Amino acid sequence: MLDFRIKTFLSVCKYMNLTYAAEELHITQPAVSQQIRYLEKLYGVRLLVREGKKIKLTPAGEVLLSTMTLLRNDENAMIKRMRQYNEKKKALIFGVTLTIGEYVIVSPLAQYLKKHPETDIHIKYGNTSLLLEHLRGGEIDFALVEGYFKSHDYDTLHYRTEKYIPVCAAGHRFIKDVKTLSDLLPERLLVREQGSGTRDILEKNLETRNLSIPDFSHLVEVENMHTIVSLLVQDCGVAFLYQAAVRQEIESGLLRQIPLADFEMEHDFTFLWNKDSVFSEYYADVCGELKTCE
């Protein structure tokens, strides 16, 4: 088990506030400070420094936080797996982004469940940034995301590559002739919320052309993919989505892809879990099996 001083350090890092850490741990603020000083003396380095009224981690503190967070998460995973042996069943907790959860993972997951009827599965939905927080906090074993992430922080397994396309209602009439991405700026854009992988990809693509989402004449921000697709079918604007999310509507003639001379994009869907976890091999096996179930 992690030393209580390490748990104090992790709590301080969680809030970057000694008072909040003391409240969470039900100890006094001087006790928190004493335990941090003990760790600094033990390791012979400064872990925290003050900048005005705020505290921040030193480079050494960053190393300790990264290492101890991994150990804490592995300890929690170890406890969960040991208890599973007593209960004679397995359990997985993983996260998926909304697009993947609604349009991609259902069939592979169904096949996995049929092969492993003894396994209990808990799935958390969220945008990419939220799932990365859950992963760092040890709340999920692994995640399947479409957004950008710092690859050096995680072990990964490529799931598949999906086309990312501009779409509109089949009968949509454009305000002006559309040949390039900038020709769409007079249109109403339907877009996901900040932190969504789907939005992040669009923002980065626009940046390469010195454009941004506010450059579109009107904006509708929606946190639910089904709502965006439904609004598209009702001819309420244009959107940039993964082909998987609108394949059925395109094939049925409700929506159509907008041909653009300067826009052709694909993006990876990726399994990821905390780097160097002692359970990395296990997570890789599970993710690999889900991949082959596609």
Foldseek 3Di string as FASTA:
>chain_A
DDDVLLVLLLLCVVPQDLCRSCVVVVHDSVVSVVSQVVVCVVVVHHQWDDDVPTIDGDPVVVVSNLVVLLVVLLVVVVVQVVVCVVVVAAEFEEEEEQLCVVQNQPQLVVVVCVVGVRYHYHYDYDAPVVRVVCQSNNVGFKYKHFADDDPVFWDKDFQDKFWKFKKAFLPADAPDDAAAPVSQQQWEEEEEDPRHRQQRVVQVVQVVVVHGPVSRPHYDYDNHLVVVQVCRLVGRTMYIGTCSSCVVVVVVRGMHTDHYPPDTDMTITMMIHGPPRPCVVVSVVVSVSSSVSD
